[in-house]
Amino acid sequence: MSKSAKTKAEKMFASPQDKGNQIAIEKEKRQQDRAEHQAMLRGLRLAKEAAEKKAAE
């Protein structure tokens, strides 16, 4: 296999891997964003429940 053909084949093989890596990175980012959002909502809910409990006492 000539050097240019090998280089071309390596580029073609690397491209789908790069796309797969990018998709995995984006998926992880979405999961992290969702986890942060859920944590924020949980904190707000707990703060509301604590305020209601204090008001009821």
Protein backbone atom coordinates (compact mmCIF):
# COMPACT_ATOMS: atom_id res chain seq x y z
CA MET A 1 0.00 0.00 0.00
CA SER A 2 1.45 3.35 -0.95
CA LYS A 3 1.93 6.05 1.64
CA SER A 4 -0.81 8.31 0.23
CA ALA A 5 -3.30 5.45 0.02
CA LYS A 6 -2.50 4.49 3.60
CA THR A 7 -2.95 8.08 4.76
CA LYS A 8 -6.24 8.36 2.90
CA ALA A 9 -7.48 5.09 4.42
CA GLU A 10 -6.47 6.23 7.91
CA LYS A 11 -8.37 9.49 7.44
CA MET A 12 -11.46 7.63 6.26
CA PHE A 13 -11.27 5.28 9.26
CA ALA A 14 -10.62 8.08 11.76
CA SER A 15 -13.59 10.17 10.60
CA PRO A 16 -16.34 7.82 11.87
CA GLN A 17 -14.44 7.38 15.13
CA ASP A 18 -14.26 11.15 15.56
CA LYS A 19 -18.01 11.43 14.96
CA GLY A 20 -18.66 8.67 17.46
CA ASN A 21 -16.49 10.40 20.04
CA GLN A 22 -18.25 13.70 19.42
CA ILE A 23 -21.66 12.06 19.83
CA ALA A 24 -20.55 10.47 23.09
CA ILE A 25 -19.27 13.83 24.36
CA GLU A 26 -22.55 15.54 23.46
CA LYS A 27 -24.57 12.77 25.11
CA GLU A 28 -22.51 13.06 28.29
CA LYS A 29 -23.00 16.85 28.27
CA ARG A 30 -26.79 16.46 27.95
CA GLN A 31 -26.81 13.95 30.82
CA GLN A 32 -24.78 16.33 32.98
CA ASP A 33 -27.09 19.24 32.16
CA ARG A 34 -30.13 17.15 33.05
CA ALA A 35 -28.57 16.01 36.34
CA GLU A 36 -27.76 19.61 37.27
CA HIS A 37 -31.30 20.70 36.41
CA GLN A 38 -32.79 17.91 38.53
CA ALA A 39 -30.52 18.81 41.44
CA MET A 40 -31.63 22.45 41.22
CA LEU A 41 -35.31 21.44 41.18
CA ARG A 42 -34.76 19.09 44.12
CA GLY A 43 -33.12 21.90 46.08
CA LEU A 44 -36.00 24.24 45.36
CA ARG A 45 -38.53 21.59 46.40
CA LEU A 46 -36.71 20.88 49.66
CA ALA A 47 -36.44 24.59 50.43
CA LYS A 48 -40.18 25.02 49.78
CA GLU A 49 -41.04 22.04 51.99
CA ALA A 50 -38.80 23.39 54.78
CA ALA A 51 -40.47 26.82 54.55
CA GLU A 52 -43.93 25.26 54.65
CA LYS A 53 -42.97 23.12 57.65
CA LYS A 54 -41.59 26.14 59.48
CA ALA A 55 -44.72 28.17 58.69
CA ALA A 56 -46.94 25.36 59.96
CA GLU A 57 -45.17 25.28 63.34
